[in-house]
PDB file of N, CA and C in Angstrom:
ATOM      1  N   UNK A   1     -39.326  19.983 -28.143  1.00  0.00           N
ATOM      2  CA  UNK A   1     -38.760  19.540 -26.883  1.00  0.00           C
ATOM      3  C   UNK A   1     -37.751  18.423 -27.106  1.00  0.00           C
ATOM      4  N   UNK A   2     -38.011  17.504 -28.030  1.00  0.00           N
ATOM      5  CA  UNK A   2     -37.086  16.394 -28.247  1.00  0.00           C
ATOM      6  C   UNK A   2     -35.784  16.871 -28.880  1.00  0.00           C
ATOM      7  N   UNK A   3     -35.823  17.950 -29.659  1.00  0.00           N
ATOM      8  CA  UNK A   3     -34.595  18.477 -30.246  1.00  0.00           C
ATOM      9  C   UNK A   3     -33.695  19.011 -29.139  1.00  0.00           C
ATOM     10  N   UNK A   4     -34.261  19.702 -28.162  1.00  0.00           N
ATOM     11  CA  UNK A   4     -33.471  20.222 -27.050  1.00  0.00           C
ATOM     12  C   UNK A   4     -32.854  19.076 -26.246  1.00  0.00           C
ATOM     13  N   UNK A   5     -33.614  18.010 -26.088  1.00  0.00           N
ATOM     14  CA  UNK A   5     -33.101  16.850 -25.351  1.00  0.00           C
ATOM     15  C   UNK A   5     -31.967  16.190 -26.120  1.00  0.00           C
ATOM     16  N   UNK A   6     -32.091  16.095 -27.431  1.00  0.00           N
ATOM     17  CA  UNK A   6     -31.028  15.510 -28.249  1.00  0.00           C
ATOM     18  C   UNK A   6     -29.760  16.355 -28.188  1.00  0.00           C
ATOM     19  N   UNK A   7     -29.930  17.673 -28.217  1.00  0.00           N
ATOM     20  CA  UNK A   7     -28.770  18.563 -28.116  1.00  0.00           C
ATOM     21  C   UNK A   7     -28.109  18.399 -26.749  1.00  0.00           C
ATOM     22  N   UNK A   8     -28.897  18.274 -25.703  1.00  0.00           N
ATOM     23  CA  UNK A   8     -28.359  18.075 -24.365  1.00  0.00           C
ATOM     24  C   UNK A   8     -27.567  16.764 -24.293  1.00  0.00           C
ATOM     25  N   UNK A   9     -28.099  15.686 -24.853  1.00  0.00           N
ATOM     26  CA  UNK A   9     -27.381  14.411 -24.874  1.00  0.00           C
ATOM     27  C   UNK A   9     -26.092  14.522 -25.683  1.00  0.00           C
ATOM     28  N   UNK A  10     -26.123  15.267 -26.770  1.00  0.00           N
ATOM     29  CA  UNK A  10     -24.939  15.461 -27.595  1.00  0.00           C
ATOM     30  C   UNK A  10     -23.859  16.212 -26.811  1.00  0.00           C
ATOM     31  N   UNK A  11     -24.242  17.247 -26.101  1.00  0.00           N
ATOM     32  CA  UNK A  11     -23.285  18.021 -25.302  1.00  0.00           C
ATOM     33  C   UNK A  11     -22.701  17.156 -24.186  1.00  0.00           C
ATOM     34  N   UNK A  12     -23.544  16.402 -23.506  1.00  0.00           N
ATOM     35  CA  UNK A  12     -23.071  15.529 -22.427  1.00  0.00           C
ATOM     36  C   UNK A  12     -22.126  14.465 -22.989  1.00  0.00           C
ATOM     37  N   UNK A  13     -22.450  13.901 -24.124  1.00  0.00           N
ATOM     38  CA  UNK A  13     -21.583  12.906 -24.759  1.00  0.00           C
ATOM     39  C   UNK A  13     -20.238  13.495 -25.140  1.00  0.00           C
ATOM     40  N   UNK A  14     -20.244  14.710 -25.671  1.00  0.00           N
ATOM     41  CA  UNK A  14     -18.990  15.370 -26.039  1.00  0.00           C
ATOM     42  C   UNK A  14     -18.137  15.637 -24.797  1.00  0.00           C
ATOM     43  N   UNK A  15     -18.769  16.032 -23.701  1.00  0.00           N
ATOM     44  CA  UNK A  15     -18.031  16.263 -22.459  1.00  0.00           C
ATOM     45  C   UNK A  15     -17.432  14.970 -21.909  1.00  0.00           C
ATOM     46  N   UNK A  16     -18.166  13.877 -22.005  1.00  0.00           N
ATOM     47  CA  UNK A  16     -17.666  12.586 -21.532  1.00  0.00           C
ATOM     48  C   UNK A  16     -16.465  12.144 -22.370  1.00  0.00           C
ATOM     49  N   UNK A  17     -16.554  12.302 -23.675  1.00  0.00           N
ATOM     50  CA  UNK A  17     -15.442  11.928 -24.556  1.00  0.00           C
ATOM     51  C   UNK A  17     -14.227  12.798 -24.266  1.00  0.00           C
ATOM     52  N   UNK A  18     -14.439  14.089 -24.075  1.00  0.00           N
ATOM     53  CA  UNK A  18     -13.335  14.999 -23.769  1.00  0.00           C
ATOM     54  C   UNK A  18     -12.667  14.617 -22.451  1.00  0.00           C
ATOM     55  N   UNK A  19     -13.464  14.319 -21.438  1.00  0.00           N
ATOM     56  CA  UNK A  19     -12.914  13.915 -20.146  1.00  0.00           C
ATOM     57  C   UNK A  19     -12.122  12.614 -20.273  1.00  0.00           C
ATOM     58  N   UNK A  20     -12.610  11.678 -21.069  1.00  0.00           N
ATOM     59  CA  UNK A  20     -11.912  10.410 -21.254  1.00  0.00           C
ATOM     60  C   UNK A  20     -10.570  10.622 -21.959  1.00  0.00           C
ATOM     61  N   UNK A  21     -10.538  11.455 -22.971  1.00  0.00           N
ATOM     62  CA  UNK A  21      -9.293  11.717 -23.703  1.00  0.00           C
ATOM     63  C   UNK A  21      -8.283  12.418 -22.801  1.00  0.00           C
ATOM     64  N   UNK A  22      -8.738  13.412 -22.044  1.00  0.00           N
ATOM     65  CA  UNK A  22      -7.827  14.110 -21.138  1.00  0.00           C
ATOM     66  C   UNK A  22      -7.308  13.179 -20.044  1.00  0.00           C
ATOM     67  N   UNK A  23      -8.159  12.321 -19.534  1.00  0.00           N
ATOM     68  CA  UNK A  23      -7.733  11.352 -18.528  1.00  0.00           C
ATOM     69  C   UNK A  23      -6.709  10.383 -19.072  1.00  0.00           C
ATOM     70  N   UNK A  24      -6.904   9.922 -20.289  1.00  0.00           N
ATOM     71  CA  UNK A  24      -5.950   9.006 -20.911  1.00  0.00           C
ATOM     72  C   UNK A  24      -4.603   9.689 -21.124  1.00  0.00           C
ATOM     73  N   UNK A  25      -4.630  10.946 -21.590  1.00  0.00           N
ATOM     74  CA  UNK A  25      -3.382  11.680 -21.788  1.00  0.00           C
ATOM     75  C   UNK A  25      -2.648  11.890 -20.468  1.00  0.00           C
ATOM     76  N   UNK A  26      -3.370  12.187 -19.419  1.00  0.00           N
ATOM     77  CA  UNK A  26      -2.756  12.349 -18.102  1.00  0.00           C
ATOM     78  C   UNK A  26      -2.162  11.027 -17.624  1.00  0.00           C
ATOM     79  N   UNK A  27      -2.866   9.938 -17.845  1.00  0.00           N
ATOM     80  CA  UNK A  27      -2.365   8.613 -17.471  1.00  0.00           C
ATOM     81  C   UNK A  27      -1.071   8.298 -18.219  1.00  0.00           C
ATOM     82  N   UNK A  28      -1.029   8.574 -19.516  1.00  0.00           N
ATOM     83  CA  UNK A  28       0.165   8.314 -20.306  1.00  0.00           C
ATOM     84  C   UNK A  28       1.335   9.168 -19.837  1.00  0.00           C
ATOM     85  N   UNK A  29       1.081  10.407 -19.467  1.00  0.00           N
ATOM     86  CA  UNK A  29       2.145  11.291 -18.982  1.00  0.00           C
ATOM     87  C   UNK A  29       2.698  10.788 -17.652  1.00  0.00           C
ATOM     88  N   UNK A  30       1.842  10.252 -16.798  1.00  0.00           N
ATOM     89  CA  UNK A  30       2.298   9.739 -15.505  1.00  0.00           C
ATOM     90  C   UNK A  30       3.081   8.436 -15.655  1.00  0.00           C
ATOM     91  N   UNK A  31       2.816   7.663 -16.687  1.00  0.00           N
ATOM     92  CA  UNK A  31       3.458   6.370 -16.861  1.00  0.00           C
ATOM     93  C   UNK A  31       4.870   6.477 -17.435  1.00  0.00           C
ATOM     94  N   UNK A  32       5.263   7.633 -17.956  1.00  0.00           N
ATOM     95  CA  UNK A  32       6.611   7.782 -18.485  1.00  0.00           C
ATOM     96  C   UNK A  32       7.598   7.795 -17.331  1.00  0.00           C
ATOM     97  N   UNK A  33       8.695   7.080 -17.471  1.00  0.00           N
ATOM     98  CA  UNK A  33       9.660   7.009 -16.366  1.00  0.00           C
ATOM     99  C   UNK A  33      10.360   8.350 -16.149  1.00  0.00           C
ATOM    100  N   UNK A  34      10.678   8.624 -14.893  1.00  0.00           N
ATOM    101  CA  UNK A  34      11.450   9.819 -14.550  1.00  0.00           C
ATOM    102  C   UNK A  34      12.919   9.547 -14.802  1.00  0.00           C
ATOM    103  N   UNK A  35      13.673  10.594 -15.012  1.00  0.00           N
ATOM    104  CA  UNK A  35      15.107  10.453 -15.163  1.00  0.00           C
ATOM    105  C   UNK A  35      15.579  10.818 -16.555  1.00  0.00           C
ATOM    106  N   UNK A  36      16.582  10.131 -17.004  1.00  0.00           N
ATOM    107  CA  UNK A  36      17.246  10.399 -18.264  1.00  0.00           C
ATOM    108  C   UNK A  36      16.845   9.361 -19.305  1.00  0.00           C
ATOM    109  N   UNK A  37      16.626   9.841 -20.522  1.00  0.00           N
ATOM    110  CA  UNK A  37      16.298   8.934 -21.620  1.00  0.00           C
ATOM    111  C   UNK A  37      17.323   9.166 -22.720  1.00  0.00           C
ATOM    112  N   UNK A  38      17.986   8.086 -23.157  1.00  0.00           N
ATOM    113  CA  UNK A  38      19.010   8.169 -24.196  1.00  0.00           C
ATOM    114  C   UNK A  38      18.536   7.341 -25.388  1.00  0.00           C
ATOM    115  N   UNK A  39      18.445   7.992 -26.549  1.00  0.00           N
ATOM    116  CA  UNK A  39      18.017   7.313 -27.771  1.00  0.00           C
ATOM    117  C   UNK A  39      19.128   7.418 -28.814  1.00  0.00           C
ATOM    118  N   UNK A  40      19.410   6.299 -29.486  1.00  0.00           N
ATOM    119  CA  UNK A  40      20.359   6.280 -30.590  1.00  0.00           C
ATOM    120  C   UNK A  40      19.581   5.865 -31.820  1.00  0.00           C
ATOM    121  N   UNK A  41      19.575   6.729 -32.817  1.00  0.00           N
ATOM    122  CA  UNK A  41      18.811   6.446 -34.020  1.00  0.00           C
ATOM    123  C   UNK A  41      19.523   6.952 -35.251  1.00  0.00           C
ATOM    124  N   UNK A  42      18.812   6.984 -36.353  1.00  0.00           N
ATOM    125  CA  UNK A  42      19.430   7.421 -37.608  1.00  0.00           C
ATOM    126  C   UNK A  42      19.857   8.891 -37.583  1.00  0.00           C
ATOM    127  N   UNK A  43      19.270   9.694 -36.696  1.00  0.00           N
ATOM    128  CA  UNK A  43      19.635  11.106 -36.600  1.00  0.00           C
ATOM    129  C   UNK A  43      20.736  11.347 -35.571  1.00  0.00           C
ATOM    130  N   UNK A  44      21.259  10.310 -34.983  1.00  0.00           N
ATOM    131  CA  UNK A  44      22.336  10.448 -34.022  1.00  0.00           C
ATOM    132  C   UNK A  44      21.872  10.180 -32.599  1.00  0.00           C
ATOM    133  N   UNK A  45      22.602  10.716 -31.644  1.00  0.00           N
ATOM    134  CA  UNK A  45      22.358  10.507 -30.228  1.00  0.00           C
ATOM    135  C   UNK A  45      21.424  11.599 -29.719  1.00  0.00           C
ATOM    136  N   UNK A  46      20.433  11.204 -28.929  1.00  0.00           N
ATOM    137  CA  UNK A  46      19.469  12.163 -28.383  1.00  0.00           C
ATOM    138  C   UNK A  46      19.317  11.863 -26.897  1.00  0.00           C
ATOM    139  N   UNK A  47      19.561  12.872 -26.063  1.00  0.00           N
ATOM    140  CA  UNK A  47      19.454  12.712 -24.612  1.00  0.00           C
ATOM    141  C   UNK A  47      18.389  13.666 -24.115  1.00  0.00           C
ATOM    142  N   UNK A  48      17.401  13.109 -23.384  1.00  0.00           N
ATOM    143  CA  UNK A  48      16.322  13.911 -22.835  1.00  0.00           C
ATOM    144  C   UNK A  48      16.257  13.711 -21.337  1.00  0.00           C
ATOM    145  N   UNK A  49      16.126  14.801 -20.623  1.00  0.00           N
ATOM    146  CA  UNK A  49      15.938  14.729 -19.169  1.00  0.00           C
ATOM    147  C   UNK A  49      14.519  15.119 -18.815  1.00  0.00           C
ATOM    148  N   UNK A  50      13.974  14.453 -17.820  1.00  0.00           N
ATOM    149  CA  UNK A  50      12.602  14.764 -17.436  1.00  0.00           C
ATOM    150  C   UNK A  50      12.582  15.292 -16.035  1.00  0.00           C
TER     151      UNK A  50
END
């Protein structure tokens, strides 16, 4: 019985970690500014539109 309980806790923990990672990724995607992004670097000029 305790093995089944440990497996259940492991599954719940994995789901919580997965939800936290997905939430963080969604938060990061929302925090990026809308519009045009212009980068100048060693590879030249890069323009990205969102």
